[in-house]
Amino acid sequence: MTYQVFTKDGCSVAVCSSLDSAMEKAKALDQFVTIKSADGFEVVGMFGVDSVKNGLCPDGIKYNWDKSARIGRVKKNF
């Protein structure tokens, strides 16, 4: 199976033979991308953003998500 990597404006920038290689290409681009396969698989986002240091995301944007600020009550199944 092949995976195609597209930029935000819809330009195809890579055709990869595995999802791992498509993800690596997406991380190297350092921008919002879409990865698609012929069988309908699609994933979008900016890959490689996986850490918060000193309250900031890798791109410098302040990370302030707080579970207590979520809307709605958490449902627990007992």
PDB file of N, CA and C in Angstrom:
ATOM      1  N   MET A   1       0.847  -1.178   0.000  1.00  0.00           N
ATOM      2  CA  MET A   1       0.000   0.000   0.000  1.00  0.00           C
ATOM      3  C   MET A   1       0.891   1.240   0.000  1.00  0.00           C
ATOM      4  N   THR A   2       0.434   2.284  -0.662  1.00  0.00           N
ATOM      5  CA  THR A   2       1.186   3.533  -0.675  1.00  0.00           C
ATOM      6  C   THR A   2       0.398   4.614   0.064  1.00  0.00           C
ATOM      7  N   TYR A   3       1.143   5.565   0.576  1.00  0.00           N
ATOM      8  CA  TYR A   3       0.572   6.703   1.299  1.00  0.00           C
ATOM      9  C   TYR A   3       1.080   7.973   0.655  1.00  0.00           C
ATOM     10  N   GLN A   4       0.157   8.907   0.424  1.00  0.00           N
ATOM     11  CA  GLN A   4       0.515  10.168  -0.192  1.00  0.00           C
ATOM     12  C   GLN A   4       0.437  11.279   0.851  1.00  0.00           C
ATOM     13  N   VAL A   5       1.423  12.163   0.842  1.00  0.00           N
ATOM     14  CA  VAL A   5       1.477  13.285   1.776  1.00  0.00           C
ATOM     15  C   VAL A   5       1.146  14.556   1.002  1.00  0.00           C
ATOM     16  N   PHE A   6       0.154  15.314   1.495  1.00  0.00           N
ATOM     17  CA  PHE A   6      -0.284  16.552   0.860  1.00  0.00           C
ATOM     18  C   PHE A   6      -0.073  17.733   1.800  1.00  0.00           C
ATOM     19  N   THR A   7       0.290  18.881   1.246  1.00  0.00           N
ATOM     20  CA  THR A   7       0.385  20.103   2.040  1.00  0.00           C
ATOM     21  C   THR A   7      -1.016  20.683   2.226  1.00  0.00           C
ATOM     22  N   LYS A   8      -1.115  21.719   3.024  1.00  0.00           N
ATOM     23  CA  LYS A   8      -2.402  22.350   3.327  1.00  0.00           C
ATOM     24  C   LYS A   8      -3.119  22.838   2.064  1.00  0.00           C
ATOM     25  N   ASP A   9      -2.355  23.275   1.065  1.00  0.00           N
ATOM     26  CA  ASP A   9      -2.969  23.768  -0.170  1.00  0.00           C
ATOM     27  C   ASP A   9      -3.284  22.657  -1.174  1.00  0.00           C
ATOM     28  N   GLY A  10      -3.107  21.384  -0.773  1.00  0.00           N
ATOM     29  CA  GLY A  10      -3.483  20.258  -1.608  1.00  0.00           C
ATOM     30  C   GLY A  10      -2.417  19.724  -2.543  1.00  0.00           C
ATOM     31  N   CYS A  11      -1.198  20.255  -2.452  1.00  0.00           N
ATOM     32  CA  CYS A  11      -0.109  19.780  -3.307  1.00  0.00           C
ATOM     33  C   CYS A  11       0.468  18.486  -2.745  1.00  0.00           C
ATOM     34  N   SER A  12       0.625  17.483  -3.597  1.00  0.00           N
ATOM     35  CA  SER A  12       1.242  16.230  -3.187  1.00  0.00           C
ATOM     36  C   SER A  12       2.749  16.431  -3.132  1.00  0.00           C
ATOM     37  N   VAL A  13       3.351  16.109  -1.983  1.00  0.00           N
ATOM     38  CA  VAL A  13       4.797  16.322  -1.822  1.00  0.00           C
ATOM     39  C   VAL A  13       5.574  15.017  -1.674  1.00  0.00           C
ATOM     40  N   ALA A  14       4.866  13.893  -1.449  1.00  0.00           N
ATOM     41  CA  ALA A  14       5.574  12.619  -1.302  1.00  0.00           C
ATOM     42  C   ALA A  14       4.620  11.461  -1.495  1.00  0.00           C
ATOM     43  N   VAL A  15       5.156  10.382  -2.030  1.00  0.00           N
ATOM     44  CA  VAL A  15       4.462   9.099  -2.101  1.00  0.00           C
ATOM     45  C   VAL A  15       5.367   8.114  -1.370  1.00  0.00           C
ATOM     46  N   CYS A  16       4.841   7.490  -0.318  1.00  0.00           N
ATOM     47  CA  CYS A  16       5.651   6.623   0.538  1.00  0.00           C
ATOM     48  C   CYS A  16       5.078   5.209   0.539  1.00  0.00           C
ATOM     49  N   SER A  17       5.944   4.251   0.748  1.00  0.00           N
ATOM     50  CA  SER A  17       5.526   2.852   0.724  1.00  0.00           C
ATOM     51  C   SER A  17       4.998   2.354   2.068  1.00  0.00           C
ATOM     52  N   SER A  18       5.174   3.148   3.130  1.00  0.00           N
ATOM     53  CA  SER A  18       4.653   2.755   4.441  1.00  0.00           C
ATOM     54  C   SER A  18       4.152   3.986   5.191  1.00  0.00           C
ATOM     55  N   LEU A  19       3.288   3.733   6.162  1.00  0.00           N
ATOM     56  CA  LEU A  19       2.781   4.832   6.985  1.00  0.00           C
ATOM     57  C   LEU A  19       3.909   5.456   7.798  1.00  0.00           C
ATOM     58  N   ASP A  20       4.839   4.630   8.269  1.00  0.00           N
ATOM     59  CA  ASP A  20       5.982   5.156   9.034  1.00  0.00           C
ATOM     60  C   ASP A  20       6.786   6.154   8.215  1.00  0.00           C
ATOM     61  N   SER A  21       7.063   5.827   6.960  1.00  0.00           N
ATOM     62  CA  SER A  21       7.853   6.754   6.141  1.00  0.00           C
ATOM     63  C   SER A  21       7.050   8.008   5.803  1.00  0.00           C
ATOM     64  N   ALA A  22       5.734   7.870   5.641  1.00  0.00           N
ATOM     65  CA  ALA A  22       4.891   9.047   5.391  1.00  0.00           C
ATOM     66  C   ALA A  22       4.884   9.963   6.607  1.00  0.00           C
ATOM     67  N   MET A  23       4.827   9.380   7.814  1.00  0.00           N
ATOM     68  CA  MET A  23       4.855  10.180   9.043  1.00  0.00           C
ATOM     69  C   MET A  23       6.200  10.895   9.192  1.00  0.00           C
ATOM     70  N   GLU A  24       7.291  10.213   8.863  1.00  0.00           N
ATOM     71  CA  GLU A  24       8.615  10.847   8.932  1.00  0.00           C
ATOM     72  C   GLU A  24       8.699  12.021   7.956  1.00  0.00           C
ATOM     73  N   LYS A  25       8.171  11.854   6.752  1.00  0.00           N
ATOM     74  CA  LYS A  25       8.173  12.939   5.761  1.00  0.00           C
ATOM     75  C   LYS A  25       7.339  14.113   6.277  1.00  0.00           C
ATOM     76  N   ALA A  26       6.182  13.807   6.883  1.00  0.00           N
ATOM     77  CA  ALA A  26       5.313  14.851   7.428  1.00  0.00           C
ATOM     78  C   ALA A  26       6.008  15.619   8.545  1.00  0.00           C
ATOM     79  N   LYS A  27       6.726  14.903   9.418  1.00  0.00           N
ATOM     80  CA  LYS A  27       7.469  15.564  10.494  1.00  0.00           C
ATOM     81  C   LYS A  27       8.548  16.470   9.933  1.00  0.00           C
ATOM     82  N   ALA A  28       9.240  16.005   8.887  1.00  0.00           N
ATOM     83  CA  ALA A  28      10.319  16.794   8.283  1.00  0.00           C
ATOM     84  C   ALA A  28       9.787  18.068   7.623  1.00  0.00           C
ATOM     85  N   LEU A  29       8.560  18.025   7.110  1.00  0.00           N
ATOM     86  CA  LEU A  29       7.979  19.215   6.475  1.00  0.00           C
ATOM     87  C   LEU A  29       7.676  20.304   7.493  1.00  0.00           C
ATOM     88  N   ASP A  30       7.374  19.900   8.740  1.00  0.00           N
ATOM     89  CA  ASP A  30       7.090  20.846   9.825  1.00  0.00           C
ATOM     90  C   ASP A  30       5.964  21.805   9.475  1.00  0.00           C
ATOM     91  N   GLN A  31       4.892  21.249   8.902  1.00  0.00           N
ATOM     92  CA  GLN A  31       3.711  22.053   8.592  1.00  0.00           C
ATOM     93  C   GLN A  31       2.482  21.148   8.621  1.00  0.00           C
ATOM     94  N   PHE A  32       1.302  21.756   8.545  1.00  0.00           N
ATOM     95  CA  PHE A  32       0.049  21.012   8.543  1.00  0.00           C
ATOM     96  C   PHE A  32      -0.053  20.216   7.249  1.00  0.00           C
ATOM     97  N   VAL A  33      -0.270  18.907   7.355  1.00  0.00           N
ATOM     98  CA  VAL A  33      -0.348  18.038   6.179  1.00  0.00           C
ATOM     99  C   VAL A  33      -1.510  17.055   6.303  1.00  0.00           C
ATOM    100  N   THR A  34      -1.814  16.406   5.181  1.00  0.00           N
ATOM    101  CA  THR A  34      -2.776  15.314   5.120  1.00  0.00           C
ATOM    102  C   THR A  34      -2.055  14.104   4.554  1.00  0.00           C
ATOM    103  N   ILE A  35      -2.242  12.952   5.177  1.00  0.00           N
ATOM    104  CA  ILE A  35      -1.698  11.700   4.660  1.00  0.00           C
ATOM    105  C   ILE A  35      -2.891  10.844   4.255  1.00  0.00           C
ATOM    106  N   LYS A  36      -2.890  10.362   2.987  1.00  0.00           N
ATOM    107  CA  LYS A  36      -3.994   9.562   2.463  1.00  0.00           C
ATOM    108  C   LYS A  36      -3.470   8.279   1.839  1.00  0.00           C
ATOM    109  N   SER A  37      -4.321   7.247   1.883  1.00  0.00           N
ATOM    110  CA  SER A  37      -4.029   6.004   1.163  1.00  0.00           C
ATOM    111  C   SER A  37      -5.200   5.702   0.243  1.00  0.00           C
ATOM    112  N   ALA A  38      -4.996   4.781  -0.692  1.00  0.00           N
ATOM    113  CA  ALA A  38      -6.022   4.446  -1.679  1.00  0.00           C
ATOM    114  C   ALA A  38      -7.243   3.773  -1.055  1.00  0.00           C
ATOM    115  N   ASP A  39      -7.092   3.140   0.105  1.00  0.00           N
ATOM    116  CA  ASP A  39      -8.216   2.434   0.720  1.00  0.00           C
ATOM    117  C   ASP A  39      -9.094   3.332   1.593  1.00  0.00           C
ATOM    118  N   GLY A  40      -8.893   4.640   1.540  1.00  0.00           N
ATOM    119  CA  GLY A  40      -9.739   5.577   2.276  1.00  0.00           C
ATOM    120  C   GLY A  40      -9.164   6.075   3.587  1.00  0.00           C
ATOM    121  N   PHE A  41      -8.011   5.562   3.996  1.00  0.00           N
ATOM    122  CA  PHE A  41      -7.360   6.029   5.220  1.00  0.00           C
ATOM    123  C   PHE A  41      -6.928   7.474   5.031  1.00  0.00           C
ATOM    124  N   GLU A  42      -7.188   8.309   6.046  1.00  0.00           N
ATOM    125  CA  GLU A  42      -6.768   9.710   5.979  1.00  0.00           C
ATOM    126  C   GLU A  42      -6.477  10.200   7.385  1.00  0.00           C
ATOM    127  N   VAL A  43      -5.366  10.898   7.532  1.00  0.00           N
ATOM    128  CA  VAL A  43      -5.017  11.508   8.810  1.00  0.00           C
ATOM    129  C   VAL A  43      -4.473  12.898   8.504  1.00  0.00           C
ATOM    130  N   VAL A  44      -4.871  13.871   9.326  1.00  0.00           N
ATOM    131  CA  VAL A  44      -4.428  15.247   9.113  1.00  0.00           C
ATOM    132  C   VAL A  44      -3.806  15.795  10.385  1.00  0.00           C
ATOM    133  N   GLY A  45      -2.939  16.767  10.229  1.00  0.00           N
ATOM    134  CA  GLY A  45      -2.363  17.423  11.388  1.00  0.00           C
ATOM    135  C   GLY A  45      -0.949  17.874  11.158  1.00  0.00           C
ATOM    136  N   MET A  46      -0.368  18.362  12.232  1.00  0.00           N
ATOM    137  CA  MET A  46       1.025  18.763  12.227  1.00  0.00           C
ATOM    138  C   MET A  46       1.760  17.746  13.075  1.00  0.00           C
ATOM    139  N   PHE A  47       2.553  16.915  12.453  1.00  0.00           N
ATOM    140  CA  PHE A  47       3.162  15.781  13.128  1.00  0.00           C
ATOM    141  C   PHE A  47       4.476  16.164  13.787  1.00  0.00           C
ATOM    142  N   GLY A  48       4.766  15.510  14.906  1.00  0.00           N
ATOM    143  CA  GLY A  48       5.997  15.763  15.621  1.00  0.00           C
ATOM    144  C   GLY A  48       5.813  16.667  16.834  1.00  0.00           C
ATOM    145  N   VAL A  49       4.609  17.187  17.043  1.00  0.00           N
ATOM    146  CA  VAL A  49       4.345  18.011  18.217  1.00  0.00           C
ATOM    147  C   VAL A  49       3.972  17.072  19.352  1.00  0.00           C
ATOM    148  N   ASP A  50       4.966  16.678  20.123  1.00  0.00           N
ATOM    149  CA  ASP A  50       4.702  15.689  21.150  1.00  0.00           C
ATOM    150  C   ASP A  50       5.307  16.042  22.501  1.00  0.00           C
ATOM    151  N   SER A  51       5.618  17.301  22.706  1.00  0.00           N
ATOM    152  CA  SER A  51       6.176  17.658  24.002  1.00  0.00           C
ATOM    153  C   SER A  51       5.797  19.085  24.385  1.00  0.00           C
ATOM    154  N   VAL A  52       5.674  19.304  25.678  1.00  0.00           N
ATOM    155  CA  VAL A  52       5.430  20.637  26.223  1.00  0.00           C
ATOM    156  C   VAL A  52       6.541  20.901  27.226  1.00  0.00           C
ATOM    157  N   LYS A  53       7.268  21.980  27.023  1.00  0.00           N
ATOM    158  CA  LYS A  53       8.355  22.330  27.944  1.00  0.00           C
ATOM    159  C   LYS A  53       8.149  23.760  28.430  1.00  0.00           C
ATOM    160  N   ASN A  54       8.212  23.934  29.723  1.00  0.00           N
ATOM    161  CA  ASN A  54       8.023  25.248  30.343  1.00  0.00           C
ATOM    162  C   ASN A  54       6.707  25.897  29.929  1.00  0.00           C
ATOM    163  N   GLY A  55       5.661  25.074  29.765  1.00  0.00           N
ATOM    164  CA  GLY A  55       4.341  25.581  29.424  1.00  0.00           C
ATOM    165  C   GLY A  55       4.164  25.983  27.973  1.00  0.00           C
ATOM    166  N   LEU A  56       5.128  25.638  27.105  1.00  0.00           N
ATOM    167  CA  LEU A  56       5.043  26.012  25.689  1.00  0.00           C
ATOM    168  C   LEU A  56       5.134  24.786  24.792  1.00  0.00           C
ATOM    169  N   CYS A  57       4.355  24.810  23.706  1.00  0.00           N
ATOM    170  CA  CYS A  57       4.467  23.794  22.668  1.00  0.00           C
ATOM    171  C   CYS A  57       5.758  24.063  21.890  1.00  0.00           C
ATOM    172  N   PRO A  58       6.226  23.089  21.091  1.00  0.00           N
ATOM    173  CA  PRO A  58       7.466  23.299  20.335  1.00  0.00           C
ATOM    174  C   PRO A  58       7.456  24.524  19.419  1.00  0.00           C
ATOM    175  N   ASP A  59       6.266  24.960  18.982  1.00  0.00           N
ATOM    176  CA  ASP A  59       6.205  26.140  18.112  1.00  0.00           C
ATOM    177  C   ASP A  59       6.102  27.447  18.893  1.00  0.00           C
ATOM    178  N   GLY A  60       6.190  27.373  20.234  1.00  0.00           N
ATOM    179  CA  GLY A  60       6.183  28.570  21.061  1.00  0.00           C
ATOM    180  C   GLY A  60       4.818  29.003  21.565  1.00  0.00           C
ATOM    181  N   ILE A  61       3.763  28.319  21.158  1.00  0.00           N
ATOM    182  CA  ILE A  61       2.414  28.669  21.600  1.00  0.00           C
ATOM    183  C   ILE A  61       2.198  28.138  23.005  1.00  0.00           C
ATOM    184  N   LYS A  62       1.565  28.961  23.858  1.00  0.00           N
ATOM    185  CA  LYS A  62       1.326  28.588  25.253  1.00  0.00           C
ATOM    186  C   LYS A  62       0.352  27.410  25.321  1.00  0.00           C
ATOM    187  N   TYR A  63       0.695  26.397  26.101  1.00  0.00           N
ATOM    188  CA  TYR A  63      -0.155  25.229  26.310  1.00  0.00           C
ATOM    189  C   TYR A  63      -0.870  25.412  27.627  1.00  0.00           C
ATOM    190  N   ASN A  64      -2.206  25.513  27.571  1.00  0.00           N
ATOM    191  CA  ASN A  64      -2.951  25.770  28.801  1.00  0.00           C
ATOM    192  C   ASN A  64      -4.189  24.890  28.942  1.00  0.00           C
ATOM    193  N   TRP A  65      -4.180  23.699  28.373  1.00  0.00           N
ATOM    194  CA  TRP A  65      -5.306  22.788  28.507  1.00  0.00           C
ATOM    195  C   TRP A  65      -5.418  22.334  29.949  1.00  0.00           C
ATOM    196  N   ASP A  66      -6.638  22.311  30.450  1.00  0.00           N
ATOM    197  CA  ASP A  66      -6.873  21.919  31.828  1.00  0.00           C
ATOM    198  C   ASP A  66      -8.108  21.027  31.877  1.00  0.00           C
ATOM    199  N   LYS A  67      -7.968  19.836  32.414  1.00  0.00           N
ATOM    200  CA  LYS A  67      -9.084  18.893  32.462  1.00  0.00           C
ATOM    201  C   LYS A  67     -10.287  19.472  33.199  1.00  0.00           C
ATOM    202  N   SER A  68     -10.045  20.247  34.252  1.00  0.00           N
ATOM    203  CA  SER A  68     -11.164  20.798  35.028  1.00  0.00           C
ATOM    204  C   SER A  68     -11.960  21.836  34.242  1.00  0.00           C
ATOM    205  N   ALA A  69     -11.397  22.362  33.171  1.00  0.00           N
ATOM    206  CA  ALA A  69     -12.089  23.374  32.373  1.00  0.00           C
ATOM    207  C   ALA A  69     -12.923  22.765  31.252  1.00  0.00           C
ATOM    208  N   ARG A  70     -12.919  21.435  31.139  1.00  0.00           N
ATOM    209  CA  ARG A  70     -13.700  20.789  30.083  1.00  0.00           C
ATOM    210  C   ARG A  70     -15.188  21.019  30.309  1.00  0.00           C
ATOM    211  N   ILE A  71     -15.924  21.086  29.223  1.00  0.00           N
ATOM    212  CA  ILE A  71     -17.375  21.260  29.321  1.00  0.00           C
ATOM    213  C   ILE A  71     -18.009  19.893  29.539  1.00  0.00           C
ATOM    214  N   GLY A  72     -18.921  19.820  30.458  1.00  0.00           N
ATOM    215  CA  GLY A  72     -19.623  18.567  30.713  1.00  0.00           C
ATOM    216  C   GLY A  72     -18.961  17.756  31.802  1.00  0.00           C
ATOM    217  N   ARG A  73     -19.730  16.877  32.365  1.00  0.00           N
ATOM    218  CA  ARG A  73     -19.250  16.043  33.457  1.00  0.00           C
ATOM    219  C   ARG A  73     -18.673  14.739  32.909  1.00  0.00           C
ATOM    220  N   VAL A  74     -17.620  14.278  33.491  1.00  0.00           N
ATOM    221  CA  VAL A  74     -17.016  13.018  33.080  1.00  0.00           C
ATOM    222  C   VAL A  74     -17.918  11.886  33.549  1.00  0.00           C
ATOM    223  N   LYS A  75     -18.272  10.983  32.626  1.00  0.00           N
ATOM    224  CA  LYS A  75     -19.122   9.852  32.967  1.00  0.00           C
ATOM    225  C   LYS A  75     -18.251   8.671  33.349  1.00  0.00           C
ATOM    226  N   LYS A  76     -18.573   8.053  34.472  1.00  0.00           N
ATOM    227  CA  LYS A  76     -17.816   6.895  34.928  1.00  0.00           C
ATOM    228  C   LYS A  76     -18.725   5.676  34.904  1.00  0.00           C
ATOM    229  N   ASN A  77     -18.182   4.591  34.411  1.00  0.00           N
ATOM    230  CA  ASN A  77     -18.923   3.337  34.399  1.00  0.00           C
ATOM    231  C   ASN A  77     -18.435   2.447  35.534  1.00  0.00           C
ATOM    232  N   PHE A  78     -19.309   2.146  36.481  1.00  0.00           N
ATOM    233  CA  PHE A  78     -18.936   1.310  37.608  1.00  0.00           C
ATOM    234  C   PHE A  78     -19.716   0.022  37.565  1.00  0.00           C
TER     235      PHE A  78
END
